[in-house]
C-alpha atoms as a PDB file:
ATOM      1  CA  MET A   1     -43.632 167.434  -1.889  1.00  0.00           C
ATOM      2  CA  THR A   2     -43.659 169.669   1.120  1.00  0.00           C
ATOM      3  CA  ILE A   3     -40.411 170.271   3.081  1.00  0.00           C
ATOM      4  CA  ASP A   4     -40.481 171.026   6.825  1.00  0.00           C
ATOM      5  CA  LEU A   5     -37.520 173.203   7.495  1.00  0.00           C
ATOM      6  CA  ASP A   6     -38.662 173.544  11.005  1.00  0.00           C
ATOM      7  CA  ALA A   7     -38.327 169.751  11.479  1.00  0.00           C
ATOM      8  CA  ILE A   8     -35.112 169.467   9.623  1.00  0.00           C
ATOM      9  CA  GLU A   9     -33.680 172.118  11.653  1.00  0.00           C
ATOM     10  CA  ALA A  10     -34.806 170.793  14.882  1.00  0.00           C
ATOM     11  CA  ALA A  11     -33.331 167.192  13.869  1.00  0.00           C
ATOM     12  CA  ALA A  12     -29.964 168.579  12.930  1.00  0.00           C
ATOM     13  CA  LYS A  13     -29.591 170.905  16.118  1.00  0.00           C
ATOM     14  CA  ALA A  14     -30.455 167.853  18.248  1.00  0.00           C
ATOM     15  CA  ALA A  15     -28.045 165.218  16.387  1.00  0.00           C
ATOM     16  CA  THR A  16     -24.388 164.619  17.246  1.00  0.00           C
ATOM     17  CA  PRO A  17     -22.222 167.905  15.930  1.00  0.00           C
ATOM     18  CA  GLY A  18     -19.952 167.045  13.213  1.00  0.00           C
ATOM     19  CA  PRO A  19     -17.908 166.941  11.124  1.00  0.00           C
ATOM     20  CA  TRP A  20     -18.750 163.409  10.439  1.00  0.00           C
ATOM     21  CA  SER A  21     -16.623 160.650   8.691  1.00  0.00           C
ATOM     22  CA  ALA A  22     -17.660 157.275   7.342  1.00  0.00           C
ATOM     23  CA  MET A  23     -15.422 154.171   7.706  1.00  0.00           C
ATOM     24  CA  SER A  24     -16.309 150.328   7.576  1.00  0.00           C
ATOM     25  CA  TRP A  25     -15.795 148.252  10.537  1.00  0.00           C
ATOM     26  CA  ALA A  26     -16.277 144.633  11.646  1.00  0.00           C
ATOM     27  CA  GLY A  27     -16.014 143.888  15.401  1.00  0.00           C
ATOM     28  CA  ALA A  28     -16.321 140.971  17.587  1.00  0.00           C
ATOM     29  CA  ASP A  29     -19.951 141.846  18.447  1.00  0.00           C
ATOM     30  CA  TRP A  30     -20.659 141.492  14.819  1.00  0.00           C
ATOM     31  CA  PRO A  31     -18.674 138.789  13.179  1.00  0.00           C
ATOM     32  CA  ASP A  32     -20.763 137.790  10.587  1.00  0.00           C
ATOM     33  CA  ARG A  33     -22.064 141.440   9.504  1.00  0.00           C
ATOM     34  CA  ARG A  34     -20.342 144.468   7.984  1.00  0.00           C
ATOM     35  CA  THR A  35     -21.131 147.400  10.008  1.00  0.00           C
ATOM     36  CA  THR A  36     -20.253 151.079   8.850  1.00  0.00           C
ATOM     37  CA  VAL A  37     -19.914 153.581  11.400  1.00  0.00           C
ATOM     38  CA  GLY A  38     -20.124 157.353  10.967  1.00  0.00           C
ATOM     39  CA  SER A  39     -18.089 159.072  13.637  1.00  0.00           C
ATOM     40  CA  THR A  40     -16.986 162.553  14.952  1.00  0.00           C
ATOM     41  CA  CYS A  41     -14.523 163.722  17.542  1.00  0.00           C
ATOM     42  CA  LYS A  42     -15.844 165.836  20.351  1.00  0.00           C
ATOM     43  CA  GLY A  43     -13.632 167.138  23.044  1.00  0.00           C
ATOM     44  CA  GLY A  44     -11.194 164.484  22.514  1.00  0.00           C
ATOM     45  CA  THR A  45     -14.006 161.729  22.469  1.00  0.00           C
ATOM     46  CA  ARG A  46     -14.890 159.683  19.627  1.00  0.00           C
ATOM     47  CA  GLU A  47     -18.587 159.296  19.090  1.00  0.00           C
ATOM     48  CA  ALA A  48     -19.918 157.095  16.386  1.00  0.00           C
ATOM     49  CA  ILE A  49     -23.227 156.102  14.563  1.00  0.00           C
ATOM     50  CA  ALA A  50     -23.512 152.606  13.540  1.00  0.00           C
ATOM     51  CA  MET A  51     -25.525 151.266  10.717  1.00  0.00           C
ATOM     52  CA  ASN A  52     -25.610 147.357  10.047  1.00  0.00           C
ATOM     53  CA  THR A  53     -25.259 147.131   6.252  1.00  0.00           C
ATOM     54  CA  ARG A  54     -25.420 143.597   5.902  1.00  0.00           C
ATOM     55  CA  TYR A  55     -28.422 144.036   3.506  1.00  0.00           C
ATOM     56  CA  ALA A  56     -27.409 147.401   2.135  1.00  0.00           C
ATOM     57  CA  ALA A  57     -27.112 147.712  -1.687  1.00  0.00           C
ATOM     58  CA  ARG A  58     -24.514 150.454  -1.277  1.00  0.00           C
ATOM     59  CA  PRO A  59     -23.242 150.774   2.227  1.00  0.00           C
ATOM     60  CA  ARG A  60     -20.283 152.854   1.809  1.00  0.00           C
ATOM     61  CA  GLU A  61     -22.256 155.260  -0.457  1.00  0.00           C
ATOM     62  CA  ASP A  62     -25.082 155.411   2.182  1.00  0.00           C
ATOM     63  CA  MET A  63     -22.838 156.330   5.018  1.00  0.00           C
ATOM     64  CA  ALA A  64     -20.732 158.721   2.744  1.00  0.00           C
ATOM     65  CA  TYR A  65     -24.140 160.230   2.344  1.00  0.00           C
ATOM     66  CA  ILE A  66     -25.047 160.516   5.857  1.00  0.00           C
ATOM     67  CA  ALA A  67     -21.693 161.729   6.940  1.00  0.00           C
ATOM     68  CA  THR A  68     -21.671 164.522   4.143  1.00  0.00           C
ATOM     69  CA  MET A  69     -25.182 165.645   5.641  1.00  0.00           C
ATOM     70  CA  ASP A  70     -23.775 166.196   9.060  1.00  0.00           C
ATOM     71  CA  PRO A  71     -25.728 168.894  11.271  1.00  0.00           C
ATOM     72  CA  HIS A  72     -23.730 171.810  10.313  1.00  0.00           C
ATOM     73  CA  THR A  73     -24.127 171.047   6.546  1.00  0.00           C
ATOM     74  CA  THR A  74     -28.170 170.539   7.133  1.00  0.00           C
ATOM     75  CA  LEU A  75     -28.352 173.732   9.007  1.00  0.00           C
ATOM     76  CA  ALA A  76     -26.421 175.716   6.541  1.00  0.00           C
ATOM     77  CA  LEU A  77     -28.598 174.276   3.675  1.00  0.00           C
ATOM     78  CA  VAL A  78     -31.975 175.259   5.799  1.00  0.00           C
ATOM     79  CA  GLU A  79     -30.438 178.628   6.178  1.00  0.00           C
ATOM     80  CA  ARG A  80     -29.759 179.290   2.721  1.00  0.00           C
ATOM     81  CA  VAL A  81     -33.325 177.841   1.692  1.00  0.00           C
ATOM     82  CA  ARG A  82     -34.919 180.498   3.972  1.00  0.00           C
ATOM     83  CA  GLU A  83     -32.678 182.993   2.604  1.00  0.00           C
ATOM     84  CA  LEU A  84     -33.746 182.251  -1.021  1.00  0.00           C
ATOM     85  CA  GLU A  85     -37.435 182.081  -0.088  1.00  0.00           C
ATOM     86  CA  ALA A  86     -37.123 185.536   1.551  1.00  0.00           C
ATOM     87  CA  GLU A  87     -35.799 186.752  -1.684  1.00  0.00           C
ATOM     88  CA  VAL A  88     -38.487 185.139  -3.859  1.00  0.00           C
ATOM     89  CA  GLU A  89     -41.049 186.599  -1.597  1.00  0.00           C
ATOM     90  CA  GLY A  90     -39.506 190.172  -1.865  1.00  0.00           C
ATOM     91  CA  LEU A  91     -39.318 189.884  -5.675  1.00  0.00           C
ATOM     92  CA  ARG A  92     -42.948 188.763  -5.929  1.00  0.00           C
ATOM     93  CA  ASP A  93     -43.907 191.793  -3.689  1.00  0.00           C
ATOM     94  CA  ALA A  94     -41.799 194.067  -5.971  1.00  0.00           C
ATOM     95  CA  LEU A  95     -43.635 192.788  -8.813  1.00  0.00           C
ATOM     96  CA  GLY A  96     -47.091 192.936  -7.318  1.00  0.00           C
ATOM     97  CA  ALA A  97     -47.424 189.086  -7.912  1.00  0.00           C
ATOM     98  CA  ASP A  98     -49.906 187.126  -6.097  1.00  0.00           C
ATOM     99  CA  GLN A  99     -47.952 183.827  -6.290  1.00  0.00           C
END
Protein backbone atom coordinates (compact mmCIF):
# COMPACT_ATOMS: atom_id res chain seq x y z
CA MET A 1 0.00 0.00 0.00
CA THR A 2 1.33 3.39 -1.00
CA ILE A 3 0.39 6.33 1.19
CA ASP A 4 0.20 9.66 -0.63
CA LEU A 5 1.28 12.11 2.07
CA ASP A 6 0.88 15.07 -0.30
CA ALA A 7 -2.78 14.18 -0.94
CA ILE A 8 -3.44 13.63 2.77
CA GLU A 9 -1.78 16.94 3.63
CA ALA A 10 -3.74 18.82 0.95
CA ALA A 11 -7.03 17.33 2.14
CA ALA A 12 -6.28 18.24 5.76
CA LYS A 13 -5.35 21.81 4.84
CA ALA A 14 -8.56 22.21 2.81
CA ALA A 15 -10.84 20.82 5.55
CA THR A 16 -12.61 22.74 8.30
CA PRO A 17 -10.02 23.30 11.04
CA GLY A 18 -10.43 21.52 14.36
CA PRO A 19 -10.57 20.62 17.03
CA TRP A 20 -13.65 18.59 16.17
CA SER A 21 -16.06 16.83 18.48
CA ALA A 22 -18.60 14.07 17.90
CA MET A 23 -22.20 14.06 19.08
CA SER A 24 -25.49 12.43 18.20
CA TRP A 25 -28.42 14.49 17.01
CA ALA A 26 -31.88 13.82 15.64
CA GLY A 27 -33.71 16.79 14.20
CA ALA A 28 -36.96 17.57 12.47
CA ASP A 29 -35.27 17.23 9.08
CA TRP A 30 -34.47 13.57 9.75
CA PRO A 31 -37.08 12.29 12.22
CA ASP A 32 -36.59 8.64 11.29
CA ARG A 33 -32.79 8.66 11.11
CA ARG A 34 -29.98 8.93 13.58
CA THR A 35 -27.53 11.58 12.48
CA THR A 36 -24.14 11.96 14.07
CA VAL A 37 -22.47 15.32 13.76
CA GLY A 38 -18.83 16.30 13.98
CA SER A 39 -18.52 19.95 14.85
CA THR A 40 -16.00 22.64 15.53
CA CYS A 41 -16.30 26.19 16.78
CA LYS A 42 -14.57 28.75 14.57
CA GLY A 43 -14.69 32.39 15.50
CA GLY A 44 -17.74 31.86 17.70
CA THR A 45 -19.62 30.10 14.87
CA ARG A 46 -20.32 26.38 15.10
CA GLU A 47 -19.59 24.48 11.91
CA ALA A 48 -20.86 20.94 11.51
CA ILE A 49 -20.10 17.90 9.40
CA ALA A 50 -23.06 15.50 9.36
CA MET A 51 -23.21 11.81 8.57
CA ASN A 52 -26.40 9.77 8.26
CA THR A 53 -25.73 6.82 10.54
CA ARG A 54 -28.96 4.94 10.01
CA TYR A 55 -27.14 1.95 8.52
CA ALA A 56 -23.75 2.37 10.17
CA ALA A 57 -22.62 -0.56 12.29
CA ARG A 58 -20.73 1.64 14.75
CA PRO A 59 -21.90 5.24 14.30
CA ARG A 60 -20.54 6.64 17.55
CA GLU A 61 -17.17 5.00 17.03
CA ASP A 62 -17.06 6.17 13.39
CA MET A 63 -17.65 9.80 14.30
CA ALA A 64 -15.29 9.63 17.27
CA TYR A 65 -12.62 8.42 14.86
CA ILE A 66 -13.40 11.16 12.33
CA ALA A 67 -13.35 13.81 15.09
CA THR A 68 -10.04 12.45 16.40
CA MET A 69 -8.46 12.73 12.95
CA ASP A 70 -9.11 16.45 12.60
CA PRO A 71 -6.84 18.44 10.24
CA HIS A 72 -4.41 19.48 13.00
CA THR A 73 -3.85 15.86 14.03
CA THR A 74 -3.56 14.68 10.44
CA LEU A 75 -1.00 17.37 9.59
CA ALA A 76 1.03 16.50 12.70
CA LEU A 77 1.10 12.84 11.64
CA VAL A 78 2.14 13.72 8.08
CA GLU A 79 4.96 15.89 9.44
CA ARG A 80 6.12 13.10 11.78
CA VAL A 81 6.11 10.50 8.98
CA ARG A 82 8.18 12.82 6.81
CA GLU A 83 10.65 13.38 9.66
CA LEU A 84 11.02 9.65 10.18
CA GLU A 85 11.40 8.99 6.45
CA ALA A 86 14.20 11.58 6.32
CA GLU A 87 15.85 9.99 9.35
CA VAL A 88 15.69 6.53 7.77
CA GLU A 89 17.13 7.91 4.52
CA GLY A 90 19.97 9.54 6.48
CA LEU A 91 20.74 6.27 8.26
CA ARG A 92 20.73 4.40 4.95
CA ASP A 93 23.15 6.92 3.48
CA ALA A 94 25.39 6.65 6.55
CA LEU A 95 25.43 2.87 6.29
CA GLY A 96 25.91 2.93 2.53
CA ALA A 97 22.77 0.85 2.03
CA ASP A 98 21.04 0.89 -1.34
CA GLN A 99 17.56 0.29 0.06
